[in-house]
Amino acid sequence: MSERVQNRSAGQGPGKAERRLAAQLAAKKAAEKKRRLQSIVGALAGVAVVGVLITVFVVVNQGKDDAPEEVASAPSATAPAEEQPPTAPPAPQLPEGSDPALATKPKVEAGKGELKKLTVKTLIEGKGAAVKAGQQITTNYVGVFYADGKEFDASWNSGQPATFPIGVGQVIKGWDQGLVGVKVGSRVQLDIPADLAYGNDSSGGRPAGPLRFVVDVLAAQ
């Protein structure tokens, strides 16, 4: 036998050739293991990327599906605003038991002939106490020019009744003289000559000449 065979038979370790072969086999196995691991990692990465792409696709499509609803619910910036009907003034607070007609603005017509003196005409008689000089009264009124019936002022237009002291020189003489003694809840027509109103001078925007007022007495305190 050769010396190499004798050494192997005697229980000695493998030779250099066997060690190289074993090392090559181990390296090959490690390389295959590494390649399998890389393949698995690559496959998992691919699955993850596909999952991300699917998620993005779904989110984008949901956004597109939702967009028409949002556009439909939002008003167009270029569309003209819808015109709102004018708000009617609130109905006045009427005295208890008064005529419901006091809740409606009266139609006031022009007078006839030459007006020489203060004239008070009761259109609706109230059931309340008579107004006294020095009291604060609350009224709704319409004022027109006696000659042509053209309106120049009305508390109804703002929905705010006017409150003021009566009989103490705080208003025109035609009111001071014409409303004292009128019962609360009444509607009266006052035909007032110019000298008891604002005179004949229209400077300063005041209504000049004889005037006609229709006044509702709503309260007196």
C-alpha atoms as a PDB file:
ATOM      1  CA  MET A   1       0.000   0.000   0.000  1.00  0.00           C
ATOM      2  CA  SER A   2       0.985   3.613  -0.499  1.00  0.00           C
ATOM      3  CA  GLU A   3       1.885   5.836   2.418  1.00  0.00           C
ATOM      4  CA  ARG A   4      -1.335   7.946   2.015  1.00  0.00           C
ATOM      5  CA  VAL A   5      -3.524   4.837   2.155  1.00  0.00           C
ATOM      6  CA  GLN A   6      -1.636   3.564   5.119  1.00  0.00           C
ATOM      7  CA  ASN A   7      -2.168   6.860   6.964  1.00  0.00           C
ATOM      8  CA  ARG A   8      -5.934   6.878   6.294  1.00  0.00           C
ATOM      9  CA  SER A   9      -6.275   3.291   7.327  1.00  0.00           C
ATOM     10  CA  ALA A  10      -4.512   4.093  10.554  1.00  0.00           C
ATOM     11  CA  GLY A  11      -7.317   6.573  11.536  1.00  0.00           C
ATOM     12  CA  GLN A  12      -5.601   9.776  10.611  1.00  0.00           C
ATOM     13  CA  GLY A  13      -7.662  12.867   9.517  1.00  0.00           C
ATOM     14  CA  PRO A  14      -8.555  13.688   5.911  1.00  0.00           C
ATOM     15  CA  GLY A  15      -5.931  14.979   3.594  1.00  0.00           C
ATOM     16  CA  LYS A  16      -5.655  18.401   1.948  1.00  0.00           C
ATOM     17  CA  ALA A  17      -7.658  17.372  -1.077  1.00  0.00           C
ATOM     18  CA  GLU A  18     -10.547  16.216   1.026  1.00  0.00           C
ATOM     19  CA  ARG A  19     -10.468  19.422   3.086  1.00  0.00           C
ATOM     20  CA  ARG A  20     -10.524  21.568  -0.031  1.00  0.00           C
ATOM     21  CA  LEU A  21     -13.430  19.567  -1.398  1.00  0.00           C
ATOM     22  CA  ALA A  22     -15.320  19.906   1.879  1.00  0.00           C
ATOM     23  CA  ALA A  23     -14.645  23.636   1.937  1.00  0.00           C
ATOM     24  CA  GLN A  24     -15.865  24.003  -1.630  1.00  0.00           C
ATOM     25  CA  LEU A  25     -19.039  22.053  -0.844  1.00  0.00           C
ATOM     26  CA  ALA A  26     -19.668  24.205   2.253  1.00  0.00           C
ATOM     27  CA  ALA A  27     -19.132  27.407   0.266  1.00  0.00           C
ATOM     28  CA  LYS A  28     -21.462  26.178  -2.427  1.00  0.00           C
ATOM     29  CA  LYS A  29     -24.151  25.357   0.145  1.00  0.00           C
ATOM     30  CA  ALA A  30     -23.714  28.772   1.775  1.00  0.00           C
ATOM     31  CA  ALA A  31     -23.986  30.489  -1.605  1.00  0.00           C
ATOM     32  CA  GLU A  32     -27.155  28.544  -2.444  1.00  0.00           C
ATOM     33  CA  LYS A  33     -28.603  29.387   0.966  1.00  0.00           C
ATOM     34  CA  LYS A  34     -27.761  33.069   0.442  1.00  0.00           C
ATOM     35  CA  ARG A  35     -29.366  33.009  -3.008  1.00  0.00           C
ATOM     36  CA  ARG A  36     -32.528  31.391  -1.594  1.00  0.00           C
ATOM     37  CA  LEU A  37     -32.637  33.965   1.185  1.00  0.00           C
ATOM     38  CA  GLN A  38     -32.201  36.796  -1.301  1.00  0.00           C
ATOM     39  CA  SER A  39     -34.955  35.320  -3.485  1.00  0.00           C
ATOM     40  CA  ILE A  40     -37.306  35.159  -0.487  1.00  0.00           C
ATOM     41  CA  VAL A  41     -36.458  38.721   0.549  1.00  0.00           C
ATOM     42  CA  GLY A  42     -36.912  39.917  -3.035  1.00  0.00           C
ATOM     43  CA  ALA A  43     -40.252  38.149  -3.282  1.00  0.00           C
ATOM     44  CA  LEU A  44     -41.409  39.686   0.004  1.00  0.00           C
ATOM     45  CA  ALA A  45     -40.247  43.108  -1.163  1.00  0.00           C
ATOM     46  CA  GLY A  46     -42.139  42.655  -4.400  1.00  0.00           C
ATOM     47  CA  VAL A  47     -45.283  41.683  -2.492  1.00  0.00           C
ATOM     48  CA  ALA A  48     -44.856  44.767  -0.285  1.00  0.00           C
ATOM     49  CA  VAL A  49     -44.454  47.044  -3.296  1.00  0.00           C
ATOM     50  CA  VAL A  50     -47.528  45.549  -4.946  1.00  0.00           C
ATOM     51  CA  GLY A  51     -49.453  46.076  -1.715  1.00  0.00           C
ATOM     52  CA  VAL A  52     -48.407  49.722  -1.569  1.00  0.00           C
ATOM     53  CA  LEU A  53     -49.362  50.266  -5.187  1.00  0.00           C
ATOM     54  CA  ILE A  54     -52.768  48.669  -4.634  1.00  0.00           C
ATOM     55  CA  THR A  55     -53.357  50.844  -1.557  1.00  0.00           C
ATOM     56  CA  VAL A  56     -52.429  54.023  -3.458  1.00  0.00           C
ATOM     57  CA  PHE A  57     -54.640  53.005  -6.369  1.00  0.00           C
ATOM     58  CA  VAL A  58     -57.620  52.405  -4.075  1.00  0.00           C
ATOM     59  CA  VAL A  59     -57.119  55.701  -2.201  1.00  0.00           C
ATOM     60  CA  VAL A  60     -56.802  57.662  -5.440  1.00  0.00           C
ATOM     61  CA  ASN A  61     -59.917  56.061  -6.892  1.00  0.00           C
ATOM     62  CA  GLN A  62     -61.858  56.725  -3.710  1.00  0.00           C
ATOM     63  CA  GLY A  63     -60.762  60.369  -3.887  1.00  0.00           C
ATOM     64  CA  LYS A  64     -61.988  60.534  -7.489  1.00  0.00           C
ATOM     65  CA  ASP A  65     -65.286  58.913  -6.540  1.00  0.00           C
ATOM     66  CA  ASP A  66     -65.788  61.356  -3.677  1.00  0.00           C
ATOM     67  CA  ALA A  67     -64.826  64.438  -5.688  1.00  0.00           C
ATOM     68  CA  PRO A  68     -68.104  64.835  -7.645  1.00  0.00           C
ATOM     69  CA  GLU A  69     -70.091  64.769  -4.405  1.00  0.00           C
ATOM     70  CA  GLU A  70     -67.920  67.498  -2.909  1.00  0.00           C
ATOM     71  CA  VAL A  71     -68.214  69.614  -6.035  1.00  0.00           C
ATOM     72  CA  ALA A  72     -71.945  69.111  -6.150  1.00  0.00           C
ATOM     73  CA  SER A  73     -72.360  70.136  -2.520  1.00  0.00           C
ATOM     74  CA  ALA A  74     -70.195  73.249  -2.777  1.00  0.00           C
ATOM     75  CA  PRO A  75     -71.622  76.363  -4.440  1.00  0.00           C
ATOM     76  CA  SER A  76     -69.862  77.561  -7.569  1.00  0.00           C
ATOM     77  CA  ALA A  77     -67.688  80.608  -7.034  1.00  0.00           C
ATOM     78  CA  THR A  78     -68.805  81.979 -10.382  1.00  0.00           C
ATOM     79  CA  ALA A  79     -72.506  81.223  -9.999  1.00  0.00           C
ATOM     80  CA  PRO A  80     -74.655  84.264  -9.169  1.00  0.00           C
ATOM     81  CA  ALA A  81     -75.910  84.342  -5.598  1.00  0.00           C
ATOM     82  CA  GLU A  82     -79.550  83.474  -5.239  1.00  0.00           C
ATOM     83  CA  GLU A  83     -81.556  86.576  -4.512  1.00  0.00           C
ATOM     84  CA  GLN A  84     -83.361  86.496  -1.204  1.00  0.00           C
ATOM     85  CA  PRO A  85     -86.810  88.034  -0.974  1.00  0.00           C
ATOM     86  CA  PRO A  86     -86.899  91.191   1.114  1.00  0.00           C
ATOM     87  CA  THR A  87     -87.704  90.519   4.726  1.00  0.00           C
ATOM     88  CA  ALA A  88     -90.982  92.030   5.817  1.00  0.00           C
ATOM     89  CA  PRO A  89     -90.830  94.225   8.934  1.00  0.00           C
ATOM     90  CA  PRO A  90     -92.098  92.452  12.053  1.00  0.00           C
ATOM     91  CA  ALA A  91     -95.740  92.964  13.000  1.00  0.00           C
ATOM     92  CA  PRO A  92     -96.212  95.579  15.726  1.00  0.00           C
ATOM     93  CA  GLN A  93     -97.028  94.611  19.297  1.00  0.00           C
ATOM     94  CA  LEU A  94    -100.685  95.543  19.588  1.00  0.00           C
ATOM     95  CA  PRO A  95    -102.567  96.508  22.753  1.00  0.00           C
ATOM     96  CA  GLU A  96    -104.711  93.749  24.230  1.00  0.00           C
ATOM     97  CA  GLY A  97    -108.149  93.644  22.637  1.00  0.00           C
ATOM     98  CA  SER A  98    -107.249  96.090  19.855  1.00  0.00           C
ATOM     99  CA  ASP A  99    -108.519  95.924  16.283  1.00  0.00           C
ATOM    100  CA  PRO A 100    -106.400  93.482  14.181  1.00  0.00           C
ATOM    101  CA  ALA A 101    -106.352  96.115  11.431  1.00  0.00           C
ATOM    102  CA  LEU A 102    -103.650  97.929  13.433  1.00  0.00           C
ATOM    103  CA  ALA A 103    -101.238  95.168  12.372  1.00  0.00           C
ATOM    104  CA  THR A 104    -101.439  96.364   8.748  1.00  0.00           C
ATOM    105  CA  LYS A 105     -99.967  99.532   7.281  1.00  0.00           C
ATOM    106  CA  PRO A 106    -102.796 101.836   6.242  1.00  0.00           C
ATOM    107  CA  LYS A 107    -103.179 103.308   2.773  1.00  0.00           C
ATOM    108  CA  VAL A 108    -103.210 107.086   3.033  1.00  0.00           C
ATOM    109  CA  GLU A 109    -104.687 109.241   0.279  1.00  0.00           C
ATOM    110  CA  ALA A 110    -104.342 112.926  -0.494  1.00  0.00           C
ATOM    111  CA  GLY A 111    -106.664 115.470   1.090  1.00  0.00           C
ATOM    112  CA  LYS A 112    -109.223 117.623  -0.656  1.00  0.00           C
ATOM    113  CA  GLY A 113    -109.532 121.364  -0.724  1.00  0.00           C
ATOM    114  CA  GLU A 114    -107.597 123.925   1.286  1.00  0.00           C
ATOM    115  CA  LEU A 115    -106.559 122.882   4.771  1.00  0.00           C
ATOM    116  CA  LYS A 116    -106.949 125.757   7.214  1.00  0.00           C
ATOM    117  CA  LYS A 117    -107.068 124.083  10.628  1.00  0.00           C
ATOM    118  CA  LEU A 118    -106.038 120.960  12.473  1.00  0.00           C
ATOM    119  CA  THR A 119    -108.506 118.137  11.877  1.00  0.00           C
ATOM    120  CA  VAL A 120    -108.533 114.892  13.870  1.00  0.00           C
ATOM    121  CA  LYS A 121    -110.570 112.001  12.477  1.00  0.00           C
ATOM    122  CA  THR A 122    -110.893 108.685  14.323  1.00  0.00           C
ATOM    123  CA  LEU A 123    -110.575 105.774  11.902  1.00  0.00           C
ATOM    124  CA  ILE A 124    -110.468 103.024  14.556  1.00  0.00           C
ATOM    125  CA  GLU A 125    -111.414 103.757  18.162  1.00  0.00           C
ATOM    126  CA  GLY A 126    -109.339 101.988  20.779  1.00  0.00           C
ATOM    127  CA  LYS A 127    -110.423 100.570  24.107  1.00  0.00           C
ATOM    128  CA  GLY A 128    -107.520 101.839  26.180  1.00  0.00           C
ATOM    129  CA  ALA A 129    -107.085 104.912  28.360  1.00  0.00           C
ATOM    130  CA  ALA A 130    -106.935 108.374  26.819  1.00  0.00           C
ATOM    131  CA  VAL A 131    -103.467 109.814  26.176  1.00  0.00           C
ATOM    132  CA  LYS A 132    -102.411 112.556  28.598  1.00  0.00           C
ATOM    133  CA  ALA A 133     -99.936 115.384  28.049  1.00  0.00           C
ATOM    134  CA  GLY A 134     -96.489 114.450  29.386  1.00  0.00           C
ATOM    135  CA  GLN A 135     -96.861 110.726  28.732  1.00  0.00           C
ATOM    136  CA  GLN A 136     -94.512 108.687  26.565  1.00  0.00           C
ATOM    137  CA  ILE A 137     -96.532 107.268  23.684  1.00  0.00           C
ATOM    138  CA  THR A 138     -95.633 104.555  21.204  1.00  0.00           C
ATOM    139  CA  THR A 139     -97.023 104.912  17.699  1.00  0.00           C
ATOM    140  CA  ASN A 140     -96.948 103.593  14.192  1.00  0.00           C
ATOM    141  CA  TYR A 141     -97.545 106.264  11.590  1.00  0.00           C
ATOM    142  CA  VAL A 142     -97.609 107.143   7.887  1.00  0.00           C
ATOM    143  CA  GLY A 143     -96.972 110.723   6.763  1.00  0.00           C
ATOM    144  CA  VAL A 144     -97.954 112.070   3.316  1.00  0.00           C
ATOM    145  CA  PHE A 145     -98.230 115.446   1.660  1.00  0.00           C
ATOM    146  CA  TYR A 146    -101.815 116.624   1.989  1.00  0.00           C
ATOM    147  CA  ALA A 147    -101.947 117.950  -1.563  1.00  0.00           C
ATOM    148  CA  ASP A 148    -100.859 114.827  -3.506  1.00  0.00           C
ATOM    149  CA  GLY A 149    -100.737 111.956  -1.013  1.00  0.00           C
ATOM    150  CA  LYS A 150     -97.030 111.264  -1.635  1.00  0.00           C
ATOM    151  CA  GLU A 151     -95.473 109.483   1.335  1.00  0.00           C
ATOM    152  CA  PHE A 152     -92.472 111.163   2.941  1.00  0.00           C
ATOM    153  CA  ASP A 153     -92.102 109.133   6.138  1.00  0.00           C
ATOM    154  CA  ALA A 154     -93.463 106.004   7.807  1.00  0.00           C
ATOM    155  CA  SER A 155     -92.433 104.007  10.861  1.00  0.00           C
ATOM    156  CA  TRP A 156     -93.786 100.905   9.113  1.00  0.00           C
ATOM    157  CA  ASN A 157     -90.883 100.905   6.670  1.00  0.00           C
ATOM    158  CA  SER A 158     -88.348 100.102   9.383  1.00  0.00           C
ATOM    159  CA  GLY A 159     -90.651  97.956  11.507  1.00  0.00           C
ATOM    160  CA  GLN A 160     -89.824 100.120  14.550  1.00  0.00           C
ATOM    161  CA  PRO A 161     -92.680 102.074  16.184  1.00  0.00           C
ATOM    162  CA  ALA A 162     -91.789 105.572  17.362  1.00  0.00           C
ATOM    163  CA  THR A 163     -91.815 106.451  21.063  1.00  0.00           C
ATOM    164  CA  PHE A 164     -91.737 110.071  22.272  1.00  0.00           C
ATOM    165  CA  PRO A 165     -93.245 112.399  24.886  1.00  0.00           C
ATOM    166  CA  ILE A 166     -96.507 114.045  23.844  1.00  0.00           C
ATOM    167  CA  GLY A 167     -97.926 117.452  24.693  1.00  0.00           C
ATOM    168  CA  VAL A 168     -94.597 118.926  25.844  1.00  0.00           C
ATOM    169  CA  GLY A 169     -93.182 120.415  22.644  1.00  0.00           C
ATOM    170  CA  GLN A 170     -90.994 117.465  21.602  1.00  0.00           C
ATOM    171  CA  VAL A 171     -92.916 116.915  18.343  1.00  0.00           C
ATOM    172  CA  ILE A 172     -94.746 119.190  15.883  1.00  0.00           C
ATOM    173  CA  LYS A 173     -97.724 121.114  17.280  1.00  0.00           C
ATOM    174  CA  GLY A 174    -100.177 119.171  15.160  1.00  0.00           C
ATOM    175  CA  TRP A 175     -99.164 115.985  16.982  1.00  0.00           C
ATOM    176  CA  ASP A 176     -99.055 117.578  20.425  1.00  0.00           C
ATOM    177  CA  GLN A 177    -102.533 118.980  19.986  1.00  0.00           C
ATOM    178  CA  GLY A 178    -104.055 116.184  17.930  1.00  0.00           C
ATOM    179  CA  LEU A 179    -102.991 113.105  19.922  1.00  0.00           C
ATOM    180  CA  VAL A 180    -103.685 114.220  23.499  1.00  0.00           C
ATOM    181  CA  GLY A 181    -107.025 112.670  24.457  1.00  0.00           C
ATOM    182  CA  VAL A 182    -106.856 109.845  21.871  1.00  0.00           C
ATOM    183  CA  LYS A 183    -107.481 106.388  23.369  1.00  0.00           C
ATOM    184  CA  VAL A 184    -104.740 103.748  23.270  1.00  0.00           C
ATOM    185  CA  GLY A 185    -105.522 101.263  20.507  1.00  0.00           C
ATOM    186  CA  SER A 186    -106.926 103.952  18.209  1.00  0.00           C
ATOM    187  CA  ARG A 187    -106.023 104.823  14.634  1.00  0.00           C
ATOM    188  CA  VAL A 188    -106.527 108.493  13.851  1.00  0.00           C
ATOM    189  CA  GLN A 189    -106.015 110.698  10.823  1.00  0.00           C
ATOM    190  CA  LEU A 190    -104.377 114.061  11.488  1.00  0.00           C
ATOM    191  CA  ASP A 191    -104.713 116.771   8.841  1.00  0.00           C
ATOM    192  CA  ILE A 192    -102.178 119.392   9.888  1.00  0.00           C
ATOM    193  CA  PRO A 193    -101.811 122.852   8.313  1.00  0.00           C
ATOM    194  CA  ALA A 194     -98.297 124.059   7.574  1.00  0.00           C
ATOM    195  CA  ASP A 195     -98.098 126.391  10.601  1.00  0.00           C
ATOM    196  CA  LEU A 196     -98.680 123.415  12.942  1.00  0.00           C
ATOM    197  CA  ALA A 197     -96.285 121.148  10.992  1.00  0.00           C
ATOM    198  CA  TYR A 198     -92.890 122.152   9.518  1.00  0.00           C
ATOM    199  CA  GLY A 199     -93.977 125.385   7.820  1.00  0.00           C
ATOM    200  CA  ASN A 200     -93.726 126.140   4.134  1.00  0.00           C
ATOM    201  CA  ASP A 201     -89.924 126.086   3.951  1.00  0.00           C
ATOM    202  CA  SER A 202     -88.592 122.828   2.544  1.00  0.00           C
ATOM    203  CA  SER A 203     -84.940 123.637   3.247  1.00  0.00           C
ATOM    204  CA  GLY A 204     -83.117 121.011   5.271  1.00  0.00           C
ATOM    205  CA  GLY A 205     -85.156 118.217   3.711  1.00  0.00           C
ATOM    206  CA  ARG A 206     -88.223 118.861   5.869  1.00  0.00           C
ATOM    207  CA  PRO A 207     -91.660 118.235   4.338  1.00  0.00           C
ATOM    208  CA  ALA A 208     -93.209 121.633   3.649  1.00  0.00           C
ATOM    209  CA  GLY A 209     -96.854 122.624   3.465  1.00  0.00           C
ATOM    210  CA  PRO A 210     -99.921 120.938   4.908  1.00  0.00           C
ATOM    211  CA  LEU A 211     -99.491 117.287   5.874  1.00  0.00           C
ATOM    212  CA  ARG A 212    -101.630 114.270   6.588  1.00  0.00           C
ATOM    213  CA  PHE A 213    -100.671 111.597   9.113  1.00  0.00           C
ATOM    214  CA  VAL A 214    -102.411 108.348   9.982  1.00  0.00           C
ATOM    215  CA  VAL A 215    -101.274 107.425  13.494  1.00  0.00           C
ATOM    216  CA  ASP A 216    -101.839 104.224  15.504  1.00  0.00           C
ATOM    217  CA  VAL A 217    -101.530 104.787  19.260  1.00  0.00           C
ATOM    218  CA  LEU A 218    -100.094 101.520  20.596  1.00  0.00           C
ATOM    219  CA  ALA A 219     -99.169 102.476  24.165  1.00  0.00           C
ATOM    220  CA  ALA A 220     -99.024 105.419  26.596  1.00  0.00           C
ATOM    221  CA  GLN A 221     -97.133 105.553  29.870  1.00  0.00           C
END
